[in-house]
Amino acid sequence: MYKYEVIIYWSNEDEAFIAEVPELPGCMAHGGMQEEALKNAQEAILLWVDTAKEFGDPVPDPKGGKLMYA
């Protein structure tokens, strides 16, 4: 499991919790509950990293490894 920072917040527009991974541009997920958003974000991180490696793009090292909730 990668230890990237994940920021989770409620979106009135989407009516869901949004989980953003700031260190990986465009990497985000959502869910009806915070836990679901985090689980989906962890899957999105794996896909993001796998895709970057497949195309030879750089994969940033995690800066902190903390999970943050907003």
Protein backbone atom coordinates (compact mmCIF):
# COMPACT_ATOMS: atom_id res chain seq x y z
CA MET A 1 0.00 0.00 0.00
CA TYR A 2 1.28 3.45 -0.92
CA LYS A 3 1.36 6.14 1.76
CA TYR A 4 0.18 9.23 -0.08
CA GLU A 5 -1.75 11.99 1.66
CA VAL A 6 -5.50 11.67 1.08
CA ILE A 7 -7.82 14.61 1.76
CA ILE A 8 -11.48 13.69 2.25
CA TYR A 9 -14.29 16.24 2.22
CA TRP A 10 -18.04 16.37 1.60
CA SER A 11 -19.23 17.78 -1.73
CA ASN A 12 -22.77 19.18 -1.76
CA GLU A 13 -22.62 19.32 -5.56
CA ASP A 14 -21.79 15.62 -5.89
CA GLU A 15 -23.67 14.58 -2.74
CA ALA A 16 -20.71 12.37 -1.84
CA PHE A 17 -17.43 12.38 0.02
CA ILE A 18 -14.53 13.26 -2.27
CA ALA A 19 -11.05 11.84 -1.66
CA GLU A 20 -8.22 13.75 -3.35
CA VAL A 21 -4.58 12.67 -3.58
CA PRO A 22 -2.73 16.00 -4.00
CA GLU A 23 0.65 14.44 -4.80
CA LEU A 24 -0.79 12.55 -7.80
CA PRO A 25 -2.33 15.02 -10.27
CA GLY A 26 -5.91 14.12 -11.16
CA CYS A 27 -6.06 11.22 -8.69
CA MET A 28 -9.34 11.32 -6.80
CA ALA A 29 -12.29 9.15 -5.90
CA HIS A 30 -15.64 9.43 -4.15
CA GLY A 31 -18.00 7.46 -1.94
CA GLY A 32 -21.18 7.73 0.08
CA MET A 33 -19.20 7.41 3.31
CA GLN A 34 -15.70 8.58 4.27
CA GLU A 35 -14.47 5.00 4.53
CA GLU A 36 -15.77 4.16 1.06
CA ALA A 37 -14.13 7.28 -0.41
CA LEU A 38 -10.81 6.31 1.21
CA LYS A 39 -11.05 2.72 -0.07
CA ASN A 40 -11.80 3.98 -3.57
CA ALA A 41 -8.92 6.45 -3.33
CA GLN A 42 -6.53 3.64 -2.43
CA GLU A 43 -7.64 1.77 -5.56
CA ALA A 44 -7.26 4.96 -7.62
CA ILE A 45 -3.71 5.39 -6.29
CA LEU A 46 -2.78 1.87 -7.43
CA LEU A 47 -4.25 2.53 -10.88
CA TRP A 48 -2.52 5.92 -11.12
CA VAL A 49 0.88 4.47 -10.22
CA ASP A 50 0.46 1.44 -12.52
CA THR A 51 -0.55 3.67 -15.43
CA ALA A 52 2.36 6.07 -14.85
CA LYS A 53 4.81 3.15 -14.79
CA GLU A 54 3.26 1.65 -17.93
CA PHE A 55 3.82 4.90 -19.85
CA GLY A 56 7.23 5.58 -18.32
CA ASP A 57 6.01 8.65 -16.44
CA PRO A 58 7.62 9.59 -13.10
CA VAL A 59 5.93 8.47 -9.90
CA PRO A 60 6.50 10.88 -7.00
CA ASP A 61 7.61 9.51 -3.66
CA PRO A 62 5.02 10.01 -0.91
CA LYS A 63 5.89 13.08 1.16
CA GLY A 64 4.29 12.21 4.46
CA GLY A 65 2.11 9.16 4.59
CA LYS A 66 -0.58 10.77 6.77
CA LEU A 67 -4.28 10.43 6.16
CA MET A 68 -6.05 13.77 6.53
CA TYR A 69 -9.76 14.38 6.92
CA ALA A 70 -11.28 17.80 6.27
